[in-house]
Amino acid sequence: MTSIYLPLVRKKIRRNHFQLRLQRGQSSVEYVIVCSALAFALGVGMIDDNSVLWQLINAFKLAYQKFSFALSLPT
């Protein structure tokens, strides 16, 4: 009785494996799309110095300056 159902089970396993292989890179594609949309949204307003992206860049610069100053202090 089990030998009758064995080919059906193997066929179902192969089909599920093929579907999983198709979905394997889907999350990385979604990640790239979301990051690209975010970068575009932030980059659109880079015309003046008061844009969100320039504020973010200046905040990173200031944080790194403070970090490097703290590292340069004697112990």
Protein backbone atom coordinates (compact mmCIF):
# COMPACT_ATOMS: atom_id res chain seq x y z
CA MET A 1 0.00 0.00 0.00
CA THR A 2 2.82 2.47 0.78
CA SER A 3 4.58 1.78 -2.52
CA ILE A 4 1.56 3.23 -4.37
CA TYR A 5 1.80 6.58 -2.56
CA LEU A 6 5.59 6.87 -2.63
CA PRO A 7 5.83 8.38 -6.15
CA LEU A 8 3.18 10.95 -5.23
CA VAL A 9 5.08 11.93 -2.10
CA ARG A 10 8.35 12.27 -4.02
CA LYS A 11 6.67 14.43 -6.64
CA LYS A 12 5.22 16.70 -3.95
CA ILE A 13 8.62 17.00 -2.23
CA ARG A 14 10.30 17.95 -5.53
CA ARG A 15 7.62 20.57 -6.22
CA ASN A 16 8.03 22.11 -2.75
CA HIS A 17 11.81 22.14 -3.11
CA PHE A 18 11.54 23.93 -6.47
CA GLN A 19 9.20 26.54 -4.97
CA LEU A 20 11.61 27.14 -2.10
CA ARG A 21 14.50 27.60 -4.54
CA LEU A 22 12.50 30.27 -6.38
CA GLN A 23 11.84 32.17 -3.14
CA ARG A 24 15.41 31.94 -1.86
CA GLY A 25 16.58 35.39 -3.08
CA GLN A 26 13.29 37.21 -2.62
CA SER A 27 14.17 38.90 0.67
CA SER A 28 17.39 40.38 -0.70
CA VAL A 29 15.51 41.84 -3.66
CA GLU A 30 12.95 43.39 -1.31
CA TYR A 31 15.76 44.78 0.85
CA VAL A 32 17.43 46.41 -2.16
CA ILE A 33 14.15 47.95 -3.30
CA VAL A 34 13.37 49.39 0.15
CA CYS A 35 16.90 50.75 0.59
CA SER A 36 16.85 52.29 -2.88
CA ALA A 37 13.52 53.98 -2.20
CA LEU A 38 14.82 55.33 1.11
CA ALA A 39 18.04 56.62 -0.47
CA PHE A 40 16.03 58.25 -3.26
CA ALA A 41 13.64 59.87 -0.77
CA LEU A 42 16.52 61.26 1.27
CA GLY A 43 18.55 62.28 -1.76
CA VAL A 44 15.81 64.19 -3.53
CA GLY A 45 16.02 67.09 -1.10
CA MET A 46 19.82 67.57 -1.29
CA ILE A 47 19.47 70.87 -3.09
CA ASP A 48 20.02 73.04 -0.01
CA ASP A 49 22.21 72.61 3.06
CA ASN A 50 19.22 72.08 5.33
CA SER A 51 18.09 68.79 3.77
CA VAL A 52 17.57 65.65 5.83
CA LEU A 53 20.48 63.84 4.22
CA TRP A 54 22.94 66.67 4.88
CA GLN A 55 21.77 66.83 8.50
CA LEU A 56 22.37 63.08 8.80
CA ILE A 57 25.84 63.36 7.25
CA ASN A 58 26.76 66.26 9.56
CA ALA A 59 25.49 64.31 12.59
CA PHE A 60 27.72 61.36 11.65
CA LYS A 61 30.70 63.70 11.19
CA LEU A 62 30.12 65.32 14.58
CA ALA A 63 29.67 61.97 16.30
CA TYR A 64 32.92 60.67 14.77
CA GLN A 65 34.78 63.84 15.80
CA LYS A 66 33.58 63.41 19.39
CA PHE A 67 34.49 59.72 19.33
CA SER A 68 37.99 60.34 17.96
CA PHE A 69 38.55 63.13 20.49
CA ALA A 70 37.55 60.83 23.33
CA LEU A 71 39.98 58.18 22.05
CA SER A 72 42.83 60.68 21.85
CA LEU A 73 42.55 61.68 25.51
CA PRO A 74 45.29 60.27 27.74
CA THR A 75 44.28 57.58 30.18
